Amino acid sequence: MDKQHGHSAIEVMLYLSISMLLLGYALPQFTQLKQSAQKTQWTNQMLGHINYARSQAATSKTQVSLCSGLASCNAVPFWQEQLLTFIDRNGNGRLEAEDQLIRILYLPADAHWKWSAPLKKAHLTYQADGTTRALNGTLTLCYRNQPLQEVKISLSGRARAQAPGAGATCN
């Protein structure tokens, strides 16, 4: 005699309702996890790029600058689209014909970095000894106009990541 296997409508409805409850709980957690991973990825990319520029300045015994821009450096504190790293022969922080472009970092389309420095310059320059030219400052990672992370660069040229401070802004 053959047994029939199956589920009643009540069992199916119970399975579906439990599944929907679990999914409703897990989906926001997944979104937060994804945003956290993106923030970490963007921060690590920036730290790697900054450390590369610093090491290039020290090994080539020349000035290396970082700035935001497509073909040359935009004189704005918002670093978006791409970040240019170049040997800055005259030290003015602008990519010009005599300078040598050594690296480009493509930045995410939906986020940007805000550069704030005491001297109000829109670029970061490393000296031949790996220190900044008094261009220490803070890069703030902004996503949907909210600060997510900060990268602090000291006068000695070292960069470190930290949570955004109370005064961190994206405008």
C-alpha atoms as a PDB file:
ATOM      1  CA  MET A   1       0.000   0.000   0.000  1.00  0.00           C
ATOM      2  CA  ASP A   2       1.414   3.397  -1.011  1.00  0.00           C
ATOM      3  CA  LYS A   3       1.603   6.148   1.543  1.00  0.00           C
ATOM      4  CA  GLN A   4       0.987   9.654   0.409  1.00  0.00           C
ATOM      5  CA  HIS A   5       3.468  12.272   1.551  1.00  0.00           C
ATOM      6  CA  GLY A   6       2.590  15.905   1.816  1.00  0.00           C
ATOM      7  CA  HIS A   7       1.852  18.797   4.092  1.00  0.00           C
ATOM      8  CA  SER A   8      -1.424  20.256   5.108  1.00  0.00           C
ATOM      9  CA  ALA A   9      -2.263  23.881   4.314  1.00  0.00           C
ATOM     10  CA  ILE A  10      -1.826  24.796   7.976  1.00  0.00           C
ATOM     11  CA  GLU A  11       1.707  23.351   8.051  1.00  0.00           C
ATOM     12  CA  VAL A  12       2.670  25.216   4.881  1.00  0.00           C
ATOM     13  CA  MET A  13       1.271  28.484   6.275  1.00  0.00           C
ATOM     14  CA  LEU A  14       3.184  27.926   9.520  1.00  0.00           C
ATOM     15  CA  TYR A  15       6.452  27.292   7.615  1.00  0.00           C
ATOM     16  CA  LEU A  16       5.927  30.404   5.503  1.00  0.00           C
ATOM     17  CA  SER A  17       5.134  32.652   8.463  1.00  0.00           C
ATOM     18  CA  ILE A  18       8.222  31.474  10.381  1.00  0.00           C
ATOM     19  CA  SER A  19      10.364  31.973   7.265  1.00  0.00           C
ATOM     20  CA  MET A  20       9.032  35.497   6.774  1.00  0.00           C
ATOM     21  CA  LEU A  21       9.738  36.393  10.411  1.00  0.00           C
ATOM     22  CA  LEU A  22      13.299  35.133  10.135  1.00  0.00           C
ATOM     23  CA  LEU A  23      13.822  36.943   6.836  1.00  0.00           C
ATOM     24  CA  GLY A  24      12.397  40.168   8.271  1.00  0.00           C
ATOM     25  CA  TYR A  25      14.897  39.973  11.107  1.00  0.00           C
ATOM     26  CA  ALA A  26      17.901  38.974   8.982  1.00  0.00           C
ATOM     27  CA  LEU A  27      17.515  41.448   6.110  1.00  0.00           C
ATOM     28  CA  PRO A  28      18.357  44.643   8.084  1.00  0.00           C
ATOM     29  CA  GLN A  29      21.307  42.832   9.670  1.00  0.00           C
ATOM     30  CA  PHE A  30      22.558  41.860   6.212  1.00  0.00           C
ATOM     31  CA  THR A  31      22.265  45.470   5.001  1.00  0.00           C
ATOM     32  CA  GLN A  32      24.276  46.711   7.998  1.00  0.00           C
ATOM     33  CA  LEU A  33      26.902  44.031   7.391  1.00  0.00           C
ATOM     34  CA  LYS A  34      27.201  45.049   3.734  1.00  0.00           C
ATOM     35  CA  GLN A  35      27.584  48.753   4.631  1.00  0.00           C
ATOM     36  CA  SER A  36      30.209  47.928   7.233  1.00  0.00           C
ATOM     37  CA  ALA A  37      32.172  45.866   4.710  1.00  0.00           C
ATOM     38  CA  GLN A  38      32.019  48.705   2.168  1.00  0.00           C
ATOM     39  CA  LYS A  39      33.228  51.223   4.749  1.00  0.00           C
ATOM     40  CA  THR A  40      36.145  48.949   5.641  1.00  0.00           C
ATOM     41  CA  GLN A  41      37.010  48.395   1.987  1.00  0.00           C
ATOM     42  CA  TRP A  42      36.944  52.121   1.136  1.00  0.00           C
ATOM     43  CA  THR A  43      39.010  52.994   4.211  1.00  0.00           C
ATOM     44  CA  ASN A  44      41.614  50.310   3.517  1.00  0.00           C
ATOM     45  CA  GLN A  45      41.899  51.452  -0.108  1.00  0.00           C
ATOM     46  CA  MET A  46      42.541  55.025   1.015  1.00  0.00           C
ATOM     47  CA  LEU A  47      45.045  53.979   3.691  1.00  0.00           C
ATOM     48  CA  GLY A  48      46.876  51.818   1.160  1.00  0.00           C
ATOM     49  CA  HIS A  49      47.005  54.646  -1.347  1.00  0.00           C
ATOM     50  CA  ILE A  50      48.273  57.138   1.234  1.00  0.00           C
ATOM     51  CA  ASN A  51      50.942  54.712   2.460  1.00  0.00           C
ATOM     52  CA  TYR A  52      51.985  54.044  -1.144  1.00  0.00           C
ATOM     53  CA  ALA A  53      52.427  57.786  -1.773  1.00  0.00           C
ATOM     54  CA  ARG A  54      54.451  58.181   1.405  1.00  0.00           C
ATOM     55  CA  SER A  55      56.734  55.255   0.572  1.00  0.00           C
ATOM     56  CA  GLN A  56      57.209  56.531  -2.994  1.00  0.00           C
ATOM     57  CA  ALA A  57      58.303  59.913  -1.643  1.00  0.00           C
ATOM     58  CA  ALA A  58      60.817  58.277   0.676  1.00  0.00           C
ATOM     59  CA  THR A  59      62.218  55.789  -1.852  1.00  0.00           C
ATOM     60  CA  SER A  60      62.433  58.220  -4.783  1.00  0.00           C
ATOM     61  CA  LYS A  61      63.710  61.066  -2.548  1.00  0.00           C
ATOM     62  CA  THR A  62      61.250  63.520  -4.069  1.00  0.00           C
ATOM     63  CA  GLN A  63      57.927  65.161  -3.272  1.00  0.00           C
ATOM     64  CA  VAL A  64      54.799  63.125  -3.960  1.00  0.00           C
ATOM     65  CA  SER A  65      51.344  64.707  -3.910  1.00  0.00           C
ATOM     66  CA  LEU A  66      47.808  63.339  -3.784  1.00  0.00           C
ATOM     67  CA  CYS A  67      44.802  65.245  -5.049  1.00  0.00           C
ATOM     68  CA  SER A  68      41.346  64.731  -6.453  1.00  0.00           C
ATOM     69  CA  GLY A  69      40.667  65.270 -10.107  1.00  0.00           C
ATOM     70  CA  LEU A  70      40.176  63.847 -13.559  1.00  0.00           C
ATOM     71  CA  ALA A  71      43.037  65.291 -15.610  1.00  0.00           C
ATOM     72  CA  SER A  72      44.606  67.632 -13.096  1.00  0.00           C
ATOM     73  CA  CYS A  73      43.877  68.510  -9.507  1.00  0.00           C
ATOM     74  CA  ASN A  74      40.630  70.202  -8.608  1.00  0.00           C
ATOM     75  CA  ALA A  75      41.120  72.816  -5.928  1.00  0.00           C
ATOM     76  CA  VAL A  76      38.222  71.531  -3.835  1.00  0.00           C
ATOM     77  CA  PRO A  77      38.314  69.662  -0.530  1.00  0.00           C
ATOM     78  CA  PHE A  78      35.983  66.918  -1.780  1.00  0.00           C
ATOM     79  CA  TRP A  79      37.897  63.974  -3.174  1.00  0.00           C
ATOM     80  CA  GLN A  80      35.613  62.084  -5.527  1.00  0.00           C
ATOM     81  CA  GLU A  81      35.740  60.096  -8.773  1.00  0.00           C
ATOM     82  CA  GLN A  82      39.485  59.514  -8.693  1.00  0.00           C
ATOM     83  CA  LEU A  83      42.534  60.275  -6.626  1.00  0.00           C
ATOM     84  CA  LEU A  84      45.766  61.158  -8.415  1.00  0.00           C
ATOM     85  CA  THR A  85      49.209  60.406  -7.003  1.00  0.00           C
ATOM     86  CA  PHE A  86      52.153  62.020  -8.748  1.00  0.00           C
ATOM     87  CA  ILE A  87      55.738  63.130  -8.370  1.00  0.00           C
ATOM     88  CA  ASP A  88      55.291  66.831  -7.719  1.00  0.00           C
ATOM     89  CA  ARG A  89      58.462  68.428  -9.077  1.00  0.00           C
ATOM     90  CA  ASN A  90      57.573  72.027  -8.134  1.00  0.00           C
ATOM     91  CA  GLY A  91      55.636  71.165  -4.951  1.00  0.00           C
ATOM     92  CA  ASN A  92      52.484  73.116  -5.793  1.00  0.00           C
ATOM     93  CA  GLY A  93      50.080  70.168  -5.397  1.00  0.00           C
ATOM     94  CA  ARG A  94      48.780  70.395  -8.984  1.00  0.00           C
ATOM     95  CA  LEU A  95      49.423  67.808 -11.678  1.00  0.00           C
ATOM     96  CA  GLU A  96      51.236  69.652 -14.446  1.00  0.00           C
ATOM     97  CA  ALA A  97      53.217  68.707 -17.561  1.00  0.00           C
ATOM     98  CA  GLU A  98      56.565  68.385 -15.726  1.00  0.00           C
ATOM     99  CA  ASP A  99      55.058  66.119 -13.034  1.00  0.00           C
ATOM    100  CA  GLN A 100      54.895  62.340 -13.320  1.00  0.00           C
ATOM    101  CA  LEU A 101      51.609  60.565 -12.604  1.00  0.00           C
ATOM    102  CA  ILE A 102      52.409  57.355 -10.741  1.00  0.00           C
ATOM    103  CA  ARG A 103      49.039  56.025  -9.586  1.00  0.00           C
ATOM    104  CA  ILE A 104      45.276  56.556  -9.860  1.00  0.00           C
ATOM    105  CA  LEU A 105      42.751  55.349  -7.298  1.00  0.00           C
ATOM    106  CA  TYR A 106      39.187  55.206  -8.574  1.00  0.00           C
ATOM    107  CA  LEU A 107      36.835  56.231  -5.808  1.00  0.00           C
ATOM    108  CA  PRO A 108      33.298  54.866  -5.330  1.00  0.00           C
ATOM    109  CA  ALA A 109      30.553  56.714  -7.177  1.00  0.00           C
ATOM    110  CA  ASP A 110      28.199  56.864  -4.194  1.00  0.00           C
ATOM    111  CA  ALA A 111      30.702  58.109  -1.605  1.00  0.00           C
ATOM    112  CA  HIS A 112      33.402  60.770  -1.336  1.00  0.00           C
ATOM    113  CA  TRP A 113      36.209  61.839   0.956  1.00  0.00           C
ATOM    114  CA  LYS A 114      36.288  65.307   2.491  1.00  0.00           C
ATOM    115  CA  TRP A 115      39.804  66.630   3.069  1.00  0.00           C
ATOM    116  CA  SER A 116      40.241  69.182   5.823  1.00  0.00           C
ATOM    117  CA  ALA A 117      43.637  70.591   6.715  1.00  0.00           C
ATOM    118  CA  PRO A 118      44.778  73.554   8.824  1.00  0.00           C
ATOM    119  CA  LEU A 119      46.335  75.301   5.793  1.00  0.00           C
ATOM    120  CA  LYS A 120      43.122  74.910   3.727  1.00  0.00           C
ATOM    121  CA  LYS A 121      44.964  73.225   0.844  1.00  0.00           C
ATOM    122  CA  ALA A 122      43.069  70.743  -1.337  1.00  0.00           C
ATOM    123  CA  HIS A 123      46.021  68.377  -1.692  1.00  0.00           C
ATOM    124  CA  LEU A 124      48.355  66.298   0.449  1.00  0.00           C
ATOM    125  CA  THR A 125      52.100  66.379  -0.238  1.00  0.00           C
ATOM    126  CA  TYR A 126      54.784  64.103   1.165  1.00  0.00           C
ATOM    127  CA  GLN A 127      58.385  65.271   1.438  1.00  0.00           C
ATOM    128  CA  ALA A 128      61.372  63.099   0.530  1.00  0.00           C
ATOM    129  CA  ASP A 129      61.657  61.992   4.168  1.00  0.00           C
ATOM    130  CA  GLY A 130      58.027  60.790   4.296  1.00  0.00           C
ATOM    131  CA  THR A 131      56.665  63.688   6.322  1.00  0.00           C
ATOM    132  CA  THR A 132      53.919  66.032   5.180  1.00  0.00           C
ATOM    133  CA  ARG A 133      54.699  69.596   4.176  1.00  0.00           C
ATOM    134  CA  ALA A 134      52.718  70.889   7.158  1.00  0.00           C
ATOM    135  CA  LEU A 135      49.717  69.470   5.308  1.00  0.00           C
ATOM    136  CA  ASN A 136      48.534  67.182   8.031  1.00  0.00           C
ATOM    137  CA  GLY A 137      44.776  66.834   8.219  1.00  0.00           C
ATOM    138  CA  THR A 138      41.740  64.605   8.221  1.00  0.00           C
ATOM    139  CA  LEU A 139      39.966  62.723   5.467  1.00  0.00           C
ATOM    140  CA  THR A 140      36.332  62.011   6.285  1.00  0.00           C
ATOM    141  CA  LEU A 141      34.551  59.244   4.403  1.00  0.00           C
ATOM    142  CA  CYS A 142      31.065  60.489   3.517  1.00  0.00           C
ATOM    143  CA  TYR A 143      28.211  58.294   2.344  1.00  0.00           C
ATOM    144  CA  ARG A 144      24.805  59.889   1.724  1.00  0.00           C
ATOM    145  CA  ASN A 145      26.106  63.033   3.425  1.00  0.00           C
ATOM    146  CA  GLN A 146      26.874  61.123   6.647  1.00  0.00           C
ATOM    147  CA  PRO A 147      30.422  60.726   8.029  1.00  0.00           C
ATOM    148  CA  LEU A 148      31.326  57.031   8.300  1.00  0.00           C
ATOM    149  CA  GLN A 149      35.048  56.988   9.022  1.00  0.00           C
ATOM    150  CA  GLU A 150      38.017  59.301   9.413  1.00  0.00           C
ATOM    151  CA  VAL A 151      41.623  58.925   8.326  1.00  0.00           C
ATOM    152  CA  LYS A 152      43.928  61.206  10.299  1.00  0.00           C
ATOM    153  CA  ILE A 153      47.308  62.124   8.819  1.00  0.00           C
ATOM    154  CA  SER A 154      49.922  63.473  11.197  1.00  0.00           C
ATOM    155  CA  LEU A 155      52.809  65.848  10.486  1.00  0.00           C
ATOM    156  CA  SER A 156      55.108  62.825  10.464  1.00  0.00           C
ATOM    157  CA  GLY A 157      53.034  61.464   7.568  1.00  0.00           C
ATOM    158  CA  ARG A 158      51.484  58.520   9.328  1.00  0.00           C
ATOM    159  CA  ALA A 159      47.860  57.734   8.605  1.00  0.00           C
ATOM    160  CA  ARG A 160      45.424  56.060  10.964  1.00  0.00           C
ATOM    161  CA  ALA A 161      41.728  55.256  10.731  1.00  0.00           C
ATOM    162  CA  GLN A 162      39.221  56.033  13.450  1.00  0.00           C
ATOM    163  CA  ALA A 163      35.509  56.496  13.977  1.00  0.00           C
ATOM    164  CA  PRO A 164      34.276  59.972  13.024  1.00  0.00           C
ATOM    165  CA  GLY A 165      34.594  62.540  15.777  1.00  0.00           C
ATOM    166  CA  ALA A 166      31.807  64.714  17.113  1.00  0.00           C
ATOM    167  CA  GLY A 167      32.722  67.563  14.755  1.00  0.00           C
ATOM    168  CA  ALA A 168      32.957  65.460  11.598  1.00  0.00           C
ATOM    169  CA  THR A 169      30.927  66.887   8.723  1.00  0.00           C
ATOM    170  CA  CYS A 170      30.458  66.119   5.054  1.00  0.00           C
ATOM    171  CA  ASN A 171      29.662  69.613   3.709  1.00  0.00           C
END
